[in-house]
């Protein structure tokens, strides 16, 4: 039996890191299998997966929170207008 006093914040953080690393390894292996099945794919893209998994997800969290904040405030969000100058030759 485990007593609740046996657990600490460092134990929880270590366990979280282990599970996240396990997730990244499983994700990498399944991605590698997909690359094996698609033989013509550029294998250098596989190395970018680790950065994409962390930074892209954080970016999407930021965008989602910004959208929710705008919706709560009742702001209208538009694409914006581009001024056309016809300067391209």
N, C-alpha and C. Protein backbone atom coordinates (compact mmCIF):
# COMPACT_ATOMS: atom_id res chain seq x y z
N UNK A 1 0.83 -1.19 0.00
CA UNK A 1 0.00 0.00 0.00
C UNK A 1 0.87 1.25 0.00
N UNK A 2 0.40 2.25 -0.70
CA UNK A 2 1.11 3.53 -0.75
C UNK A 2 0.39 4.54 0.12
N UNK A 3 1.14 5.14 0.95
CA UNK A 3 0.57 6.17 1.80
C UNK A 3 0.71 7.52 1.09
N UNK A 4 -0.30 8.39 1.15
CA UNK A 4 -0.21 9.68 0.46
C UNK A 4 1.00 10.52 0.86
N UNK A 5 1.50 10.33 2.06
CA UNK A 5 2.66 11.11 2.49
C UNK A 5 3.94 10.65 1.79
N UNK A 6 3.90 9.47 1.18
CA UNK A 6 5.08 8.96 0.47
C UNK A 6 5.30 9.68 -0.85
N UNK A 7 4.30 10.33 -1.35
CA UNK A 7 4.41 11.02 -2.62
C UNK A 7 4.87 12.46 -2.41
N UNK A 8 5.62 12.96 -3.36
CA UNK A 8 6.07 14.34 -3.28
C UNK A 8 5.91 14.99 -4.65
N UNK A 9 6.11 16.28 -4.69
CA UNK A 9 5.99 17.00 -5.95
C UNK A 9 7.06 16.54 -6.93
N UNK A 10 8.26 16.28 -6.45
CA UNK A 10 9.33 15.83 -7.34
C UNK A 10 9.01 14.45 -7.92
N UNK A 11 8.39 13.60 -7.12
CA UNK A 11 7.99 12.29 -7.61
C UNK A 11 6.97 12.43 -8.73
N UNK A 12 6.00 13.32 -8.54
CA UNK A 12 4.97 13.54 -9.55
C UNK A 12 5.57 14.13 -10.82
N UNK A 13 6.49 15.07 -10.68
CA UNK A 13 7.12 15.67 -11.85
C UNK A 13 7.95 14.65 -12.61
N UNK A 14 8.69 13.81 -11.88
CA UNK A 14 9.47 12.75 -12.54
C UNK A 14 8.56 11.81 -13.30
N UNK A 15 7.47 11.43 -12.68
CA UNK A 15 6.53 10.52 -13.34
C UNK A 15 5.93 11.17 -14.58
N UNK A 16 5.60 12.45 -14.48
CA UNK A 16 5.07 13.19 -15.63
C UNK A 16 6.08 13.23 -16.76
N UNK A 17 7.33 13.48 -16.45
CA UNK A 17 8.38 13.53 -17.47
C UNK A 17 8.56 12.15 -18.11
N UNK A 18 8.54 11.09 -17.32
CA UNK A 18 8.66 9.74 -17.87
C UNK A 18 7.52 9.44 -18.83
N UNK A 19 6.30 9.76 -18.44
CA UNK A 19 5.16 9.49 -19.32
C UNK A 19 5.22 10.34 -20.58
N UNK A 20 5.66 11.60 -20.48
CA UNK A 20 5.76 12.44 -21.66
C UNK A 20 6.84 11.92 -22.61
N UNK A 21 7.97 11.49 -22.05
CA UNK A 21 9.03 10.90 -22.88
C UNK A 21 8.53 9.61 -23.54
N UNK A 22 7.77 8.82 -22.80
CA UNK A 22 7.20 7.60 -23.37
C UNK A 22 6.26 7.96 -24.53
N UNK A 23 5.43 8.99 -24.36
CA UNK A 23 4.55 9.45 -25.42
C UNK A 23 5.35 9.88 -26.65
N UNK A 24 6.44 10.64 -26.44
CA UNK A 24 7.26 11.08 -27.57
C UNK A 24 7.90 9.91 -28.29
N UNK A 25 8.35 8.91 -27.55
CA UNK A 25 8.97 7.74 -28.17
C UNK A 25 7.94 6.96 -29.00
N UNK A 26 6.76 6.74 -28.44
CA UNK A 26 5.71 6.03 -29.16
C UNK A 26 5.30 6.83 -30.40
N UNK A 27 5.20 8.15 -30.25
CA UNK A 27 4.84 9.01 -31.37
C UNK A 27 5.91 8.95 -32.46
N UNK A 28 7.18 8.97 -32.07
CA UNK A 28 8.27 8.89 -33.03
C UNK A 28 8.28 7.55 -33.76
N UNK A 29 8.07 6.47 -33.02
CA UNK A 29 8.07 5.14 -33.63
C UNK A 29 6.92 4.99 -34.63
N UNK A 30 5.73 5.45 -34.25
CA UNK A 30 4.60 5.34 -35.18
C UNK A 30 4.80 6.24 -36.40
N UNK A 31 5.42 7.39 -36.19
CA UNK A 31 5.73 8.26 -37.33
C UNK A 31 6.76 7.61 -38.25
N UNK A 32 7.75 6.96 -37.65
CA UNK A 32 8.77 6.27 -38.44
C UNK A 32 8.14 5.14 -39.25
N UNK A 33 7.18 4.45 -38.66
CA UNK A 33 6.48 3.39 -39.40
C UNK A 33 5.74 3.99 -40.60
N UNK A 34 5.12 5.14 -40.39
CA UNK A 34 4.43 5.81 -41.50
C UNK A 34 5.42 6.19 -42.60
N UNK A 35 6.62 6.64 -42.21
CA UNK A 35 7.64 6.98 -43.20
C UNK A 35 8.15 5.73 -43.92
N UNK A 36 8.23 4.63 -43.23
CA UNK A 36 8.65 3.37 -43.86
C UNK A 36 7.62 2.95 -44.90
N UNK A 37 6.35 3.10 -44.57
CA UNK A 37 5.29 2.71 -45.50
C UNK A 37 5.22 3.64 -46.71
N UNK A 38 5.59 4.88 -46.52
CA UNK A 38 5.60 5.86 -47.62
C UNK A 38 7.06 6.09 -48.01
N UNK A 39 7.59 5.25 -48.84
CA UNK A 39 9.03 5.21 -49.14
C UNK A 39 9.58 6.48 -49.78
N UNK A 40 8.76 7.22 -50.48
CA UNK A 40 9.25 8.40 -51.20
C UNK A 40 9.32 9.65 -50.31
N UNK A 41 8.91 9.54 -49.07
CA UNK A 41 8.86 10.71 -48.18
C UNK A 41 10.26 11.16 -47.77
N UNK A 42 10.40 12.45 -47.51
CA UNK A 42 11.66 13.04 -47.07
C UNK A 42 11.86 12.74 -45.58
N UNK A 43 12.84 11.89 -45.25
CA UNK A 43 13.06 11.44 -43.88
C UNK A 43 13.54 12.55 -42.96
N UNK A 44 14.05 13.64 -43.51
CA UNK A 44 14.50 14.73 -42.64
C UNK A 44 13.32 15.39 -41.92
N UNK A 45 12.12 15.22 -42.46
CA UNK A 45 10.93 15.77 -41.80
C UNK A 45 10.66 15.09 -40.46
N UNK A 46 11.12 13.87 -40.32
CA UNK A 46 10.90 13.12 -39.08
C UNK A 46 11.60 13.77 -37.90
N UNK A 47 12.72 14.42 -38.14
CA UNK A 47 13.46 15.06 -37.05
C UNK A 47 12.74 16.30 -36.52
N UNK A 48 11.94 16.93 -37.36
CA UNK A 48 11.20 18.11 -36.94
C UNK A 48 10.01 17.77 -36.07
N UNK A 49 9.67 16.50 -35.97
CA UNK A 49 8.49 16.10 -35.23
C UNK A 49 8.56 16.50 -33.76
N UNK A 50 9.74 16.40 -33.14
CA UNK A 50 9.86 16.73 -31.73
C UNK A 50 9.57 18.20 -31.47
N UNK A 51 10.11 19.07 -32.32
CA UNK A 51 9.84 20.50 -32.17
C UNK A 51 8.38 20.81 -32.43
N UNK A 52 7.83 20.17 -33.45
CA UNK A 52 6.44 20.41 -33.81
C UNK A 52 5.51 19.98 -32.69
N UNK A 53 5.81 18.87 -32.06
CA UNK A 53 4.93 18.36 -31.00
C UNK A 53 4.84 19.31 -29.83
N UNK A 54 5.91 19.99 -29.51
CA UNK A 54 5.87 20.90 -28.37
C UNK A 54 5.45 22.31 -28.77
N UNK A 55 6.15 22.92 -29.69
CA UNK A 55 5.93 24.34 -29.99
C UNK A 55 4.62 24.59 -30.73
N UNK A 56 4.25 23.74 -31.66
CA UNK A 56 3.01 23.95 -32.40
C UNK A 56 1.81 23.85 -31.47
N UNK A 57 1.86 22.89 -30.59
CA UNK A 57 0.76 22.71 -29.64
C UNK A 57 0.63 23.93 -28.72
N UNK A 58 1.77 24.47 -28.27
CA UNK A 58 1.73 25.66 -27.42
C UNK A 58 1.17 26.85 -28.19
N UNK A 59 1.54 26.97 -29.45
CA UNK A 59 1.02 28.04 -30.29
C UNK A 59 -0.50 27.91 -30.44
N UNK A 60 -0.98 26.70 -30.64
CA UNK A 60 -2.42 26.50 -30.79
C UNK A 60 -3.16 26.81 -29.48
N UNK A 61 -2.55 26.50 -28.33
CA UNK A 61 -3.16 26.87 -27.05
C UNK A 61 -3.28 28.38 -26.94
N UNK A 62 -2.23 29.10 -27.34
CA UNK A 62 -2.24 30.56 -27.30
C UNK A 62 -3.35 31.11 -28.20
N UNK A 63 -3.44 30.59 -29.41
CA UNK A 63 -4.47 31.06 -30.36
C UNK A 63 -5.87 30.76 -29.82
N UNK A 64 -6.06 29.57 -29.27
CA UNK A 64 -7.38 29.20 -28.74
C UNK A 64 -7.77 30.12 -27.57
N UNK A 65 -6.83 30.39 -26.68
CA UNK A 65 -7.13 31.27 -25.55
C UNK A 65 -7.42 32.70 -26.01
N UNK A 66 -6.70 33.15 -27.02
CA UNK A 66 -6.94 34.49 -27.55
C UNK A 66 -8.33 34.58 -28.20
N UNK A 67 -8.72 33.55 -28.92
CA UNK A 67 -10.04 33.53 -29.56
C UNK A 67 -11.14 33.50 -28.51
N UNK A 68 -10.96 32.67 -27.48
CA UNK A 68 -11.97 32.59 -26.41
C UNK A 68 -12.08 33.94 -25.69
N UNK A 69 -10.94 34.57 -25.44
CA UNK A 69 -10.94 35.88 -24.80
C UNK A 69 -11.68 36.91 -25.65
N UNK A 70 -11.42 36.91 -26.94
CA UNK A 70 -12.12 37.84 -27.85
C UNK A 70 -13.62 37.56 -27.87
N UNK A 71 -13.99 36.28 -27.84
CA UNK A 71 -15.41 35.93 -27.87
C UNK A 71 -16.10 36.37 -26.59
N UNK A 72 -15.44 36.21 -25.46
CA UNK A 72 -16.03 36.62 -24.18
C UNK A 72 -16.20 38.14 -24.14
N UNK A 73 -15.21 38.87 -24.67
CA UNK A 73 -15.30 40.33 -24.69
C UNK A 73 -16.29 40.83 -25.72
N UNK A 74 -16.72 39.98 -26.64
CA UNK A 74 -17.68 40.36 -27.67
C UNK A 74 -17.05 41.10 -28.83
N UNK A 75 -15.75 40.97 -28.98
CA UNK A 75 -15.04 41.63 -30.08
C UNK A 75 -15.31 40.90 -31.40
N UNK A 76 -15.44 41.68 -32.46
CA UNK A 76 -15.52 41.07 -33.78
C UNK A 76 -14.09 40.89 -34.30
N UNK A 77 -13.80 39.73 -34.76
CA UNK A 77 -12.48 39.45 -35.30
C UNK A 77 -12.62 39.25 -36.79
N UNK A 78 -11.87 40.04 -37.54
CA UNK A 78 -11.96 39.96 -39.00
C UNK A 78 -10.60 39.61 -39.57
N UNK A 79 -10.62 39.22 -40.82
CA UNK A 79 -9.38 38.89 -41.50
C UNK A 79 -8.54 40.13 -41.77
N UNK A 80 -9.20 41.25 -41.94
CA UNK A 80 -8.49 42.48 -42.26
C UNK A 80 -8.52 42.72 -43.76
N UNK A 81 -8.21 43.94 -44.15
CA UNK A 81 -8.22 44.30 -45.57
C UNK A 81 -6.80 44.60 -46.02
N UNK A 82 -6.45 44.08 -47.16
CA UNK A 82 -5.17 44.39 -47.75
C UNK A 82 -5.35 45.54 -48.73
N UNK A 83 -4.47 46.50 -48.63
CA UNK A 83 -4.52 47.64 -49.55
C UNK A 83 -3.81 47.23 -50.84
N UNK A 84 -4.50 47.31 -51.93
CA UNK A 84 -3.92 46.93 -53.22
C UNK A 84 -3.29 48.16 -53.86
N UNK A 85 -2.01 48.03 -54.19
CA UNK A 85 -1.27 49.16 -54.76
C UNK A 85 -0.85 48.93 -56.22
N UNK A 86 -0.97 47.73 -56.72
CA UNK A 86 -0.61 47.39 -58.09
C UNK A 86 0.84 47.77 -58.40
N UNK A 87 1.74 47.42 -57.49
CA UNK A 87 3.16 47.77 -57.68
C UNK A 87 4.00 46.61 -58.17
N UNK A 88 3.43 45.43 -58.31
CA UNK A 88 4.17 44.27 -58.76
C UNK A 88 4.35 44.35 -60.27
N UNK A 89 5.60 44.14 -60.71
CA UNK A 89 5.85 44.22 -62.16
C UNK A 89 5.79 42.85 -62.78
